[in-house]
Amino acid sequence: SSDGALLSVRDVTVRFGGVVALDHVDFQLQPGTITGLIGPNGAG
């Protein structure tokens, strides 16, 4: 991408019925990095 990111997640929202599993999630991954994705059970 023009900003150098390998992956860009932009304002992603996912709903399962009345449950919002992801709520406007944004982040980027730069090439050659290691990223941990953490959170409680059910965080998305």
Full PDB file with SEQRES, HELIX, SHEET, SSBOND, CRYST1, ORIGX, SCALE, CONECT and MASTER records, all heavy atoms in Angstrom:
SEQRES   1 A   44  SER SER ASP GLY ALA LEU LEU SER VAL ARG ASP VAL THR          
SEQRES   2 A   44  VAL ARG PHE GLY GLY VAL VAL ALA LEU ASP HIS VAL ASP          
SEQRES   3 A   44  PHE GLN LEU GLN PRO GLY THR ILE THR GLY LEU ILE GLY          
SEQRES   4 A   44  PRO ASN GLY ALA GLY                                          
SHEET    1 AA1 2 LEU A   7  PHE A  16  0                                        
SHEET    2 AA1 2 VAL A  19  LEU A  29 -1                                        
CRYST1    1.000    1.000    1.000  90.00  90.00  90.00 P 1           1          
ORIGX1      1.000000  0.000000  0.000000        0.00000                         
ORIGX2      0.000000  1.000000  0.000000        0.00000                         
ORIGX3      0.000000  0.000000  1.000000        0.00000                         
SCALE1      1.000000  0.000000  0.000000        0.00000                         
SCALE2      0.000000  1.000000  0.000000        0.00000                         
SCALE3      0.000000  0.000000  1.000000        0.00000                         
ATOM      1  N   SER A   1       0.835  -1.194   0.000  1.00  0.00           N  
ATOM      2  CA  SER A   1       0.000   0.000   0.000  1.00  0.00           C  
ATOM      3  C   SER A   1       0.866   1.239   0.000  1.00  0.00           C  
ATOM      4  O   SER A   1       2.056   1.201   0.273  1.00  0.00           O  
ATOM      5  CB  SER A   1      -0.929  -0.006   1.219  1.00  0.00           C  
ATOM      6  OG  SER A   1      -0.186   0.104   2.406  1.00  0.00           O  
ATOM      7  N   SER A   2       0.241   2.376  -0.298  1.00  0.00           N  
ATOM      8  CA  SER A   2       0.987   3.629  -0.410  1.00  0.00           C  
ATOM      9  C   SER A   2       1.636   4.030   0.900  1.00  0.00           C  
ATOM     10  O   SER A   2       2.639   4.741   0.907  1.00  0.00           O  
ATOM     11  CB  SER A   2       0.040   4.741  -0.883  1.00  0.00           C  
ATOM     12  OG  SER A   2      -1.047   4.889   0.008  1.00  0.00           O  
ATOM     13  N   ASP A   3       1.081   3.563   2.051  1.00  0.00           N  
ATOM     14  CA  ASP A   3       1.675   3.904   3.342  1.00  0.00           C  
ATOM     15  C   ASP A   3       2.689   2.859   3.797  1.00  0.00           C  
ATOM     16  O   ASP A   3       3.206   2.930   4.914  1.00  0.00           O  
ATOM     17  CB  ASP A   3       0.586   4.085   4.400  1.00  0.00           C  
ATOM     18  CG  ASP A   3      -0.317   2.860   4.538  1.00  0.00           C  
ATOM     19  OD1 ASP A   3       0.019   1.801   3.967  1.00  0.00           O  
ATOM     20  OD2 ASP A   3      -1.361   2.971   5.200  1.00  0.00           O  
ATOM     21  N   GLY A   4       2.981   1.880   2.943  1.00  0.00           N  
ATOM     22  CA  GLY A   4       3.998   0.881   3.259  1.00  0.00           C  
ATOM     23  C   GLY A   4       3.507  -0.301   4.055  1.00  0.00           C  
ATOM     24  O   GLY A   4       4.272  -1.221   4.332  1.00  0.00           O  
ATOM     25  N   ALA A   5       2.225  -0.326   4.434  1.00  0.00           N  
ATOM     26  CA  ALA A   5       1.687  -1.431   5.235  1.00  0.00           C  
ATOM     27  C   ALA A   5       1.491  -2.671   4.374  1.00  0.00           C  
ATOM     28  O   ALA A   5       1.058  -2.578   3.214  1.00  0.00           O  
ATOM     29  CB  ALA A   5       0.369  -1.030   5.883  1.00  0.00           C  
ATOM     30  N   LEU A   6       1.793  -3.836   4.924  1.00  0.00           N  
ATOM     31  CA  LEU A   6       1.475  -5.088   4.243  1.00  0.00           C  
ATOM     32  C   LEU A   6      -0.017  -5.367   4.347  1.00  0.00           C  
ATOM     33  O   LEU A   6      -0.657  -5.775   3.379  1.00  0.00           O  
ATOM     34  CB  LEU A   6       2.264  -6.238   4.867  1.00  0.00           C  
ATOM     35  CG  LEU A   6       1.990  -7.630   4.282  1.00  0.00           C  
ATOM     36  CD1 LEU A   6       2.580  -7.739   2.876  1.00  0.00           C  
ATOM     37  CD2 LEU A   6       2.565  -8.715   5.194  1.00  0.00           C  
ATOM     38  N   LEU A   7      -0.576  -5.138   5.538  1.00  0.00           N  
ATOM     39  CA  LEU A   7      -1.998  -5.379   5.788  1.00  0.00           C  
ATOM     40  C   LEU A   7      -2.608  -4.147   6.438  1.00  0.00           C  
ATOM     41  O   LEU A   7      -2.051  -3.614   7.401  1.00  0.00           O  
ATOM     42  CB  LEU A   7      -2.175  -6.595   6.713  1.00  0.00           C  
ATOM     43  CG  LEU A   7      -3.611  -6.953   7.086  1.00  0.00           C  
ATOM     44  CD1 LEU A   7      -4.306  -7.655   5.919  1.00  0.00           C  
ATOM     45  CD2 LEU A   7      -3.643  -7.853   8.330  1.00  0.00           C  
ATOM     46  N   SER A   8      -3.746  -3.727   5.926  1.00  0.00           N  
ATOM     47  CA  SER A   8      -4.493  -2.610   6.515  1.00  0.00           C  
ATOM     48  C   SER A   8      -5.918  -3.058   6.784  1.00  0.00           C  
ATOM     49  O   SER A   8      -6.641  -3.446   5.862  1.00  0.00           O  
ATOM     50  CB  SER A   8      -4.508  -1.393   5.577  1.00  0.00           C  
ATOM     51  OG  SER A   8      -3.204  -0.888   5.366  1.00  0.00           O  
ATOM     52  N   VAL A   9      -6.314  -3.030   8.059  1.00  0.00           N  
ATOM     53  CA  VAL A   9      -7.690  -3.328   8.462  1.00  0.00           C  
ATOM     54  C   VAL A   9      -8.346  -1.992   8.771  1.00  0.00           C  
ATOM     55  O   VAL A   9      -7.888  -1.255   9.654  1.00  0.00           O  
ATOM     56  CB  VAL A   9      -7.712  -4.260   9.691  1.00  0.00           C  
ATOM     57  CG1 VAL A   9      -9.135  -4.470  10.189  1.00  0.00           C  
ATOM     58  CG2 VAL A   9      -7.056  -5.593   9.355  1.00  0.00           C  
ATOM     59  N   ARG A  10      -9.405  -1.666   8.040  1.00  0.00           N  
ATOM     60  CA  ARG A  10      -9.987  -0.337   8.110  1.00  0.00           C  
ATOM     61  C   ARG A  10     -11.463  -0.401   8.483  1.00  0.00           C  
ATOM     62  O   ARG A  10     -12.297  -0.865   7.685  1.00  0.00           O  
ATOM     63  CB  ARG A  10      -9.824   0.390   6.770  1.00  0.00           C  
ATOM     64  CG  ARG A  10      -8.372   0.578   6.343  1.00  0.00           C  
ATOM     65  CD  ARG A  10      -8.268   1.266   5.001  1.00  0.00           C  
ATOM     66  NE  ARG A  10      -6.873   1.529   4.619  1.00  0.00           N  
ATOM     67  CZ  ARG A  10      -6.485   2.037   3.444  1.00  0.00           C  
ATOM     68  NH1 ARG A  10      -7.419   2.335   2.537  1.00  0.00           N  
ATOM     69  NH2 ARG A  10      -5.213   2.235   3.188  1.00  0.00           N  
ATOM     70  N   ASP A  11     -11.766   0.019   9.713  1.00  0.00           N  
ATOM     71  CA  ASP A  11     -13.148   0.221  10.146  1.00  0.00           C  
ATOM     72  C   ASP A  11     -14.000  -1.041   9.973  1.00  0.00           C  
ATOM     73  O   ASP A  11     -15.160  -0.978   9.569  1.00  0.00           O  
ATOM     74  CB  ASP A  11     -13.757   1.381   9.347  1.00  0.00           C  
ATOM     75  CG  ASP A  11     -14.903   2.051  10.098  1.00  0.00           C  
ATOM     76  OD1 ASP A  11     -14.870   2.075  11.333  1.00  0.00           O  
ATOM     77  OD2 ASP A  11     -15.840   2.531   9.431  1.00  0.00           O  
ATOM     78  N   VAL A  12     -13.427  -2.205  10.302  1.00  0.00           N  
ATOM     79  CA  VAL A  12     -14.107  -3.485  10.075  1.00  0.00           C  
ATOM     80  C   VAL A  12     -15.120  -3.761  11.184  1.00  0.00           C  
ATOM     81  O   VAL A  12     -14.790  -3.731  12.373  1.00  0.00           O  
ATOM     82  CB  VAL A  12     -13.089  -4.639   9.966  1.00  0.00           C  
ATOM     83  CG1 VAL A  12     -13.779  -5.997  10.058  1.00  0.00           C  
ATOM     84  CG2 VAL A  12     -12.323  -4.527   8.651  1.00  0.00           C  
ATOM     85  N   THR A  13     -16.348  -4.057  10.770  1.00  0.00           N  
ATOM     86  CA  THR A  13     -17.430  -4.385  11.688  1.00  0.00           C  
ATOM     87  C   THR A  13     -18.069  -5.697  11.255  1.00  0.00           C  
ATOM     88  O   THR A  13     -18.330  -5.905  10.075  1.00  0.00           O  
ATOM     89  CB  THR A  13     -18.495  -3.278  11.715  1.00  0.00           C  
ATOM     90  OG1 THR A  13     -17.900  -2.062  12.210  1.00  0.00           O  
ATOM     91  CG2 THR A  13     -19.671  -3.645  12.606  1.00  0.00           C  
ATOM     92  N   VAL A  14     -18.295  -6.592  12.228  1.00  0.00           N  
ATOM     93  CA  VAL A  14     -18.964  -7.870  11.971  1.00  0.00           C  
ATOM     94  C   VAL A  14     -20.064  -8.050  13.007  1.00  0.00           C  
ATOM     95  O   VAL A  14     -19.813  -7.921  14.212  1.00  0.00           O  
ATOM     96  CB  VAL A  14     -17.978  -9.054  12.038  1.00  0.00           C  
ATOM     97  CG1 VAL A  14     -18.725 -10.385  11.885  1.00  0.00           C  
ATOM     98  CG2 VAL A  14     -16.895  -8.939  10.983  1.00  0.00           C  
ATOM     99  N   ARG A  15     -21.258  -8.379  12.541  1.00  0.00           N  
ATOM    100  CA  ARG A  15     -22.386  -8.643  13.437  1.00  0.00           C  
ATOM    101  C   ARG A  15     -22.908 -10.052  13.206  1.00  0.00           C  
ATOM    102  O   ARG A  15     -23.010 -10.504  12.065  1.00  0.00           O  
ATOM    103  CB  ARG A  15     -23.525  -7.641  13.190  1.00  0.00           C  
ATOM    104  CG  ARG A  15     -23.163  -6.192  13.475  1.00  0.00           C  
ATOM    105  CD  ARG A  15     -24.361  -5.279  13.221  1.00  0.00           C  
ATOM    106  NE  ARG A  15     -24.028  -3.873  13.453  1.00  0.00           N  
ATOM    107  CZ  ARG A  15     -23.507  -3.078  12.525  1.00  0.00           C  
ATOM    108  NH1 ARG A  15     -23.267  -3.549  11.309  1.00  0.00           N  
ATOM    109  NH2 ARG A  15     -23.225  -1.819  12.806  1.00  0.00           N  
ATOM    110  N   PHE A  16     -23.224 -10.742  14.293  1.00  0.00           N  
ATOM    111  CA  PHE A  16     -23.916 -12.018  14.227  1.00  0.00           C  
ATOM    112  C   PHE A  16     -25.249 -11.842  14.931  1.00  0.00           C  
ATOM    113  O   PHE A  16     -25.332 -11.901  16.160  1.00  0.00           O  
ATOM    114  CB  PHE A  16     -23.095 -13.127  14.895  1.00  0.00           C  
ATOM    115  CG  PHE A  16     -21.763 -13.374  14.238  1.00  0.00           C  
ATOM    116  CD1 PHE A  16     -20.577 -13.115  14.917  1.00  0.00           C  
ATOM    117  CD2 PHE A  16     -21.695 -13.856  12.938  1.00  0.00           C  
ATOM    118  CE1 PHE A  16     -19.352 -13.348  14.318  1.00  0.00           C  
ATOM    119  CE2 PHE A  16     -20.471 -14.094  12.322  1.00  0.00           C  
ATOM    120  CZ  PHE A  16     -19.295 -13.838  13.019  1.00  0.00           C  
ATOM    121  N   GLY A  17     -26.299 -11.593  14.147  1.00  0.00           N  
ATOM    122  CA  GLY A  17     -27.586 -11.258  14.747  1.00  0.00           C  
ATOM    123  C   GLY A  17     -27.459  -9.955  15.517  1.00  0.00           C  
ATOM    124  O   GLY A  17     -27.037  -8.936  14.983  1.00  0.00           O  
ATOM    125  N   GLY A  18     -27.796  -9.986  16.808  1.00  0.00           N  
ATOM    126  CA  GLY A  18     -27.693  -8.778  17.612  1.00  0.00           C  
ATOM    127  C   GLY A  18     -26.354  -8.597  18.285  1.00  0.00           C  
ATOM    128  O   GLY A  18     -26.145  -7.627  19.030  1.00  0.00           O  
ATOM    129  N   VAL A  19     -25.418  -9.523  18.044  1.00  0.00           N  
ATOM    130  CA  VAL A  19     -24.097  -9.464  18.682  1.00  0.00           C  
ATOM    131  C   VAL A  19     -23.108  -8.789  17.739  1.00  0.00           C  
ATOM    132  O   VAL A  19     -22.958  -9.181  16.576  1.00  0.00           O  
ATOM    133  CB  VAL A  19     -23.587 -10.879  19.034  1.00  0.00           C  
ATOM    134  CG1 VAL A  19     -22.183 -10.811  19.620  1.00  0.00           C  
ATOM    135  CG2 VAL A  19     -24.546 -11.552  20.003  1.00  0.00           C  
ATOM    136  N   VAL A  20     -22.419  -7.769  18.236  1.00  0.00           N  
ATOM    137  CA  VAL A  20     -21.372  -7.097  17.462  1.00  0.00           C  
ATOM    138  C   VAL A  20     -20.048  -7.763  17.818  1.00  0.00           C  
ATOM    139  O   VAL A  20     -19.497  -7.560  18.898  1.00  0.00           O  
ATOM    140  CB  VAL A  20     -21.322  -5.587  17.778  1.00  0.00           C  
ATOM    141  CG1 VAL A  20     -20.226  -4.917  16.953  1.00  0.00           C  
ATOM    142  CG2 VAL A  20     -22.677  -4.950  17.489  1.00  0.00           C  
ATOM    143  N   ALA A  21     -19.534  -8.593  16.911  1.00  0.00           N  
ATOM    144  CA  ALA A  21     -18.300  -9.336  17.165  1.00  0.00           C  
ATOM    145  C   ALA A  21     -17.066  -8.472  16.943  1.00  0.00           C  
ATOM    146  O   ALA A  21     -16.065  -8.610  17.650  1.00  0.00           O  
ATOM    147  CB  ALA A  21     -18.237 -10.571  16.269  1.00  0.00           C  
ATOM    148  N   LEU A  22     -17.121  -7.594  15.959  1.00  0.00           N  
ATOM    149  CA  LEU A  22     -16.051  -6.623  15.707  1.00  0.00           C  
ATOM    150  C   LEU A  22     -16.701  -5.267  15.497  1.00  0.00           C  
ATOM    151  O   LEU A  22     -17.669  -5.156  14.724  1.00  0.00           O  
ATOM    152  CB  LEU A  22     -15.218  -7.009  14.483  1.00  0.00           C  
ATOM    153  CG  LEU A  22     -14.372  -8.271  14.580  1.00  0.00           C  
ATOM    154  CD1 LEU A  22     -13.720  -8.585  13.232  1.00  0.00           C  
ATOM    155  CD2 LEU A  22     -13.310  -8.133  15.667  1.00  0.00           C  
ATOM    156  N   ASP A  23     -16.158  -4.246  16.145  1.00  0.00           N  
ATOM    157  CA  ASP A  23     -16.797  -2.935  16.175  1.00  0.00           C  
ATOM    158  C   ASP A  23     -15.831  -1.869  15.673  1.00  0.00           C  
ATOM    159  O   ASP A  23     -15.032  -1.325  16.428  1.00  0.00           O  
ATOM    160  CB  ASP A  23     -17.249  -2.637  17.613  1.00  0.00           C  
ATOM    161  CG  ASP A  23     -18.163  -1.432  17.709  1.00  0.00           C  
ATOM    162  OD1 ASP A  23     -18.388  -0.762  16.683  1.00  0.00           O  
ATOM    163  OD2 ASP A  23     -18.657  -1.172  18.820  1.00  0.00           O  
ATOM    164  N   HIS A  24     -15.852  -1.627  14.350  1.00  0.00           N  
ATOM    165  CA  HIS A  24     -15.039  -0.573  13.729  1.00  0.00           C  
ATOM    166  C   HIS A  24     -13.546  -0.727  14.082  1.00  0.00           C  
ATOM    167  O   HIS A  24     -12.919   0.202  14.601  1.00  0.00           O  
ATOM    168  CB  HIS A  24     -15.550   0.805  14.137  1.00  0.00           C  
ATOM    169  CG  HIS A  24     -16.986   1.041  13.760  1.00  0.00           C  
ATOM    170  ND1 HIS A  24     -17.391   1.318  12.470  1.00  0.00           N  
ATOM    171  CD2 HIS A  24     -18.119   0.999  14.509  1.00  0.00           C  
ATOM    172  CE1 HIS A  24     -18.698   1.469  12.436  1.00  0.00           C  
ATOM    173  NE2 HIS A  24     -19.171   1.264  13.660  1.00  0.00           N  
ATOM    174  N   VAL A  25     -13.003  -1.895  13.797  1.00  0.00           N  
ATOM    175  CA  VAL A  25     -11.610  -2.201  14.144  1.00  0.00           C  
ATOM    176  C   VAL A  25     -10.664  -1.688  13.050  1.00  0.00           C  
ATOM    177  O   VAL A  25     -10.888  -1.917  11.866  1.00  0.00           O  
ATOM    178  CB  VAL A  25     -11.418  -3.724  14.337  1.00  0.00           C  
ATOM    179  CG1 VAL A  25      -9.942  -4.070  14.533  1.00  0.00           C  
ATOM    180  CG2 VAL A  25     -12.241  -4.194  15.533  1.00  0.00           C  
ATOM    181  N   ASP A  26      -9.613  -0.998  13.495  1.00  0.00           N  
ATOM    182  CA  ASP A  26      -8.581  -0.474  12.598  1.00  0.00           C  
ATOM    183  C   ASP A  26      -7.209  -0.850  13.123  1.00  0.00           C  
ATOM    184  O   ASP A  26      -6.940  -0.717  14.323  1.00  0.00           O  
ATOM    185  CB  ASP A  26      -8.622   1.067  12.539  1.00  0.00           C  
ATOM    186  CG  ASP A  26      -9.818   1.616  11.800  1.00  0.00           C  
ATOM    187  OD1 ASP A  26      -9.751   1.728  10.568  1.00  0.00           O  
ATOM    188  OD2 ASP A  26     -10.807   1.963  12.472  1.00  0.00           O  
ATOM    189  N   PHE A  27      -6.321  -1.312  12.242  1.00  0.00           N  
ATOM    190  CA  PHE A  27      -4.895  -1.428  12.560  1.00  0.00           C  
ATOM    191  C   PHE A  27      -4.136  -1.761  11.283  1.00  0.00           C  
ATOM    192  O   PHE A  27      -4.734  -2.070  10.248  1.00  0.00           O  
ATOM    193  CB  PHE A  27      -4.624  -2.496  13.638  1.00  0.00           C  
ATOM    194  CG  PHE A  27      -4.948  -3.906  13.221  1.00  0.00           C  
ATOM    195  CD1 PHE A  27      -4.010  -4.693  12.562  1.00  0.00           C  
ATOM    196  CD2 PHE A  27      -6.188  -4.457  13.515  1.00  0.00           C  
ATOM    197  CE1 PHE A  27      -4.305  -5.987  12.182  1.00  0.00           C  
ATOM    198  CE2 PHE A  27      -6.488  -5.745  13.141  1.00  0.00           C  
ATOM    199  CZ  PHE A  27      -5.552  -6.520  12.470  1.00  0.00           C  
ATOM    200  N   GLN A  28      -2.813  -1.675  11.372  1.00  0.00           N  
ATOM    201  CA  GLN A  28      -1.958  -2.002  10.234  1.00  0.00           C  
ATOM    202  C   GLN A  28      -0.832  -2.921  10.675  1.00  0.00           C  
ATOM    203  O   GLN A  28      -0.395  -2.872  11.827  1.00  0.00           O  
ATOM    204  CB  GLN A  28      -1.345  -0.736   9.624  1.00  0.00           C  
ATOM    205  CG  GLN A  28      -2.334   0.183   8.927  1.00  0.00           C  
ATOM    206  CD  GLN A  28      -1.630   1.341   8.236  1.00  0.00           C  
ATOM    207  OE1 GLN A  28      -0.541   1.748   8.634  1.00  0.00           O  
ATOM    208  NE2 GLN A  28      -2.247   1.868   7.200  1.00  0.00           N  
ATOM    209  N   LEU A  29      -0.376  -3.750   9.747  1.00  0.00           N  
ATOM    210  CA  LEU A  29       0.818  -4.558   9.960  1.00  0.00           C  
ATOM    211  C   LEU A  29       1.874  -4.125   8.962  1.00  0.00           C  
ATOM    212  O   LEU A  29       1.615  -4.094   7.755  1.00  0.00           O  
ATOM    213  CB  LEU A  29       0.530  -6.054   9.762  1.00  0.00           C  
ATOM    214  CG  LEU A  29      -0.554  -6.721  10.620  1.00  0.00           C  
ATOM    215  CD1 LEU A  29      -0.549  -8.223  10.364  1.00  0.00           C  
ATOM    216  CD2 LEU A  29      -0.358  -6.418  12.089  1.00  0.00           C  
ATOM    217  N   GLN A  30       3.060  -3.809   9.464  1.00  0.00           N  
ATOM    218  CA  GLN A  30       4.174  -3.454   8.590  1.00  0.00           C  
ATOM    219  C   GLN A  30       4.920  -4.725   8.193  1.00  0.00           C  
ATOM    220  O   GLN A  30       4.960  -5.701   8.944  1.00  0.00           O  
ATOM    221  CB  GLN A  30       5.114  -2.481   9.300  1.00  0.00           C  
ATOM    222  CG  GLN A  30       4.479  -1.151   9.656  1.00  0.00           C  
ATOM    223  CD  GLN A  30       3.944  -0.420   8.432  1.00  0.00           C  
ATOM    224  OE1 GLN A  30       4.588  -0.379   7.381  1.00  0.00           O  
ATOM    225  NE2 GLN A  30       2.752   0.167   8.577  1.00  0.00           N  
ATOM    226  N   PRO A  31       5.523  -4.745   7.009  1.00  0.00           N  
ATOM    227  CA  PRO A  31       6.246  -5.942   6.563  1.00  0.00           C  
ATOM    228  C   PRO A  31       7.360  -6.318   7.538  1.00  0.00           C  
ATOM    229  O   PRO A  31       8.031  -5.446   8.099  1.00  0.00           O  
ATOM    230  CB  PRO A  31       6.831  -5.519   5.205  1.00  0.00           C  
ATOM    231  CG  PRO A  31       6.012  -4.351   4.777  1.00  0.00           C  
ATOM    232  CD  PRO A  31       5.575  -3.655   6.020  1.00  0.00           C  
ATOM    233  N   GLY A  32       7.537  -7.616   7.762  1.00  0.00           N  
ATOM    234  CA  GLY A  32       8.636  -8.104   8.577  1.00  0.00           C  
ATOM    235  C   GLY A  32       8.438  -7.965  10.067  1.00  0.00           C  
ATOM    236  O   GLY A  32       9.395  -8.079  10.828  1.00  0.00           O  
ATOM    237  N   THR A  33       7.199  -7.754  10.505  1.00  0.00           N  
ATOM    238  CA  THR A  33       6.929  -7.601  11.936  1.00  0.00           C  
ATOM    239  C   THR A  33       6.207  -8.839  12.474  1.00  0.00           C  
ATOM    240  O   THR A  33       5.636  -9.629  11.728  1.00  0.00           O  
ATOM    241  CB  THR A  33       6.066  -6.361  12.213  1.00  0.00           C  
ATOM    242  OG1 THR A  33       4.861  -6.444  11.448  1.00  0.00           O  
ATOM    243  CG2 THR A  33       6.813  -5.090  11.851  1.00  0.00           C  
ATOM    244  N   ILE A  34       6.243  -8.983  13.794  1.00  0.00           N  
ATOM    245  CA  ILE A  34       5.474 -10.002  14.494  1.00  0.00           C  
ATOM    246  C   ILE A  34       4.477  -9.275  15.382  1.00  0.00           C  
ATOM    247  O   ILE A  34       4.867  -8.436  16.202  1.00  0.00           O  
ATOM    248  CB  ILE A  34       6.371 -10.918  15.339  1.00  0.00           C  
ATOM    249  CG1 ILE A  34       7.387 -11.657  14.453  1.00  0.00           C  
ATOM    250  CG2 ILE A  34       5.532 -11.917  16.135  1.00  0.00           C  
ATOM    251  CD1 ILE A  34       8.409 -12.458  15.238  1.00  0.00           C  
ATOM    252  N   THR A  35       3.201  -9.584  15.211  1.00  0.00           N  
ATOM    253  CA  THR A  35       2.136  -8.892  15.945  1.00  0.00           C  
ATOM    254  C   THR A  35       1.332  -9.900  16.752  1.00  0.00           C  
ATOM    255  O   THR A  35       0.902 -10.937  16.233  1.00  0.00           O  
ATOM    256  CB  THR A  35       1.193  -8.143  14.978  1.00  0.00           C  
ATOM    257  OG1 THR A  35       1.952  -7.168  14.261  1.00  0.00           O  
ATOM    258  CG2 THR A  35       0.067  -7.453  15.734  1.00  0.00           C  
ATOM    259  N   GLY A  36       1.114  -9.602  18.027  1.00  0.00           N  
ATOM    260  CA  GLY A  36       0.246 -10.411  18.873  1.00  0.00           C  
ATOM    261  C   GLY A  36      -1.135  -9.801  18.930  1.00  0.00           C  
ATOM    262  O   GLY A  36      -1.275  -8.586  19.090  1.00  0.00           O  
ATOM    263  N   LEU A  37      -2.154 -10.629  18.766  1.00  0.00           N  
ATOM    264  CA  LEU A  37      -3.547 -10.197  18.882  1.00  0.00           C  
ATOM    265  C   LEU A  37      -4.123 -10.853  20.131  1.00  0.00           C  
ATOM    266  O   LEU A  37      -4.239 -12.073  20.203  1.00  0.00           O  
ATOM    267  CB  LEU A  37      -4.339 -10.617  17.644  1.00  0.00           C  
ATOM    268  CG  LEU A  37      -5.830 -10.276  17.627  1.00  0.00           C  
ATOM    269  CD1 LEU A  37      -6.043  -8.764  17.662  1.00  0.00           C  
ATOM    270  CD2 LEU A  37      -6.498 -10.885  16.399  1.00  0.00           C  
ATOM    271  N   ILE A  38      -4.430 -10.044  21.138  1.00  0.00           N  
ATOM    272  CA  ILE A  38      -4.854 -10.589  22.422  1.00  0.00           C  
ATOM    273  C   ILE A  38      -6.186  -9.981  22.850  1.00  0.00           C  
ATOM    274  O   ILE A  38      -6.658  -8.992  22.282  1.00  0.00           O  
ATOM    275  CB  ILE A  38      -3.803 -10.365  23.532  1.00  0.00           C  
ATOM    276  CG1 ILE A  38      -3.653  -8.880  23.861  1.00  0.00           C  
ATOM    277  CG2 ILE A  38      -2.456 -10.970  23.143  1.00  0.00           C  
ATOM    278  CD1 ILE A  38      -2.762  -8.595  25.080  1.00  0.00           C  
ATOM    279  N   GLY A  39      -6.775 -10.587  23.874  1.00  0.00           N  
ATOM    280  CA  GLY A  39      -8.030 -10.123  24.433  1.00  0.00           C  
ATOM    281  C   GLY A  39      -8.741 -11.266  25.128  1.00  0.00           C  
ATOM    282  O   GLY A  39      -8.417 -12.434  24.905  1.00  0.00           O  
ATOM    283  N   PRO A  40      -9.704 -10.962  25.980  1.00  0.00           N  
ATOM    284  CA  PRO A  40     -10.444 -12.011  26.687  1.00  0.00           C  
ATOM    285  C   PRO A  40     -11.204 -12.903  25.712  1.00  0.00           C  
ATOM    286  O   PRO A  40     -11.390 -12.567  24.545  1.00  0.00           O  
ATOM    287  CB  PRO A  40     -11.417 -11.224  27.579  1.00  0.00           C  
ATOM    288  CG  PRO A  40     -10.892  -9.821  27.601  1.00  0.00           C  
ATOM    289  CD  PRO A  40     -10.177  -9.611  26.312  1.00  0.00           C  
ATOM    290  N   ASN A  41     -11.661 -14.057  26.193  1.00  0.00           N  
ATOM    291  CA  ASN A  41     -12.524 -14.906  25.377  1.00  0.00           C  
ATOM    292  C   ASN A  41     -13.742 -14.110  24.924  1.00  0.00           C  
ATOM    293  O   ASN A  41     -14.345 -13.369  25.703  1.00  0.00           O  
ATOM    294  CB  ASN A  41     -12.985 -16.130  26.172  1.00  0.00           C  
ATOM    295  CG  ASN A  41     -11.857 -17.115  26.404  1.00  0.00           C  
ATOM    296  OD1 ASN A  41     -10.940 -17.222  25.599  1.00  0.00           O  
ATOM    297  ND2 ASN A  41     -11.927 -17.851  27.514  1.00  0.00           N  
ATOM    298  N   GLY A  42     -14.088 -14.262  23.651  1.00  0.00           N  
ATOM    299  CA  GLY A  42     -15.229 -13.536  23.112  1.00  0.00           C  
ATOM    300  C   GLY A  42     -14.918 -12.121  22.678  1.00  0.00           C  
ATOM    301  O   GLY A  42     -15.824 -11.366  22.319  1.00  0.00           O  
ATOM    302  N   ALA A  43     -13.627 -11.757  22.658  1.00  0.00           N  
ATOM    303  CA  ALA A  43     -13.248 -10.388  22.292  1.00  0.00           C  
ATOM    304  C   ALA A  43     -13.350 -10.128  20.797  1.00  0.00           C  
ATOM    305  O   ALA A  43     -13.363  -8.978  20.370  1.00  0.00           O  
ATOM    306  CB  ALA A  43     -11.833 -10.086  22.778  1.00  0.00           C  
ATOM    307  N   GLY A  44     -13.361 -11.200  19.981  1.00  0.00           N  
ATOM    308  CA  GLY A  44     -13.446 -11.022  18.530  1.00  0.00           C  
ATOM    309  C   GLY A  44     -12.196 -11.429  17.781  1.00  0.00           C  
ATOM    310  O   GLY A  44     -12.097 -11.204  16.574  1.00  0.00           O  
TER     311      GLY A  44                                                      
MASTER        0    0    0    0    2    0    0    6  310    1    0    4          
END                                                                             
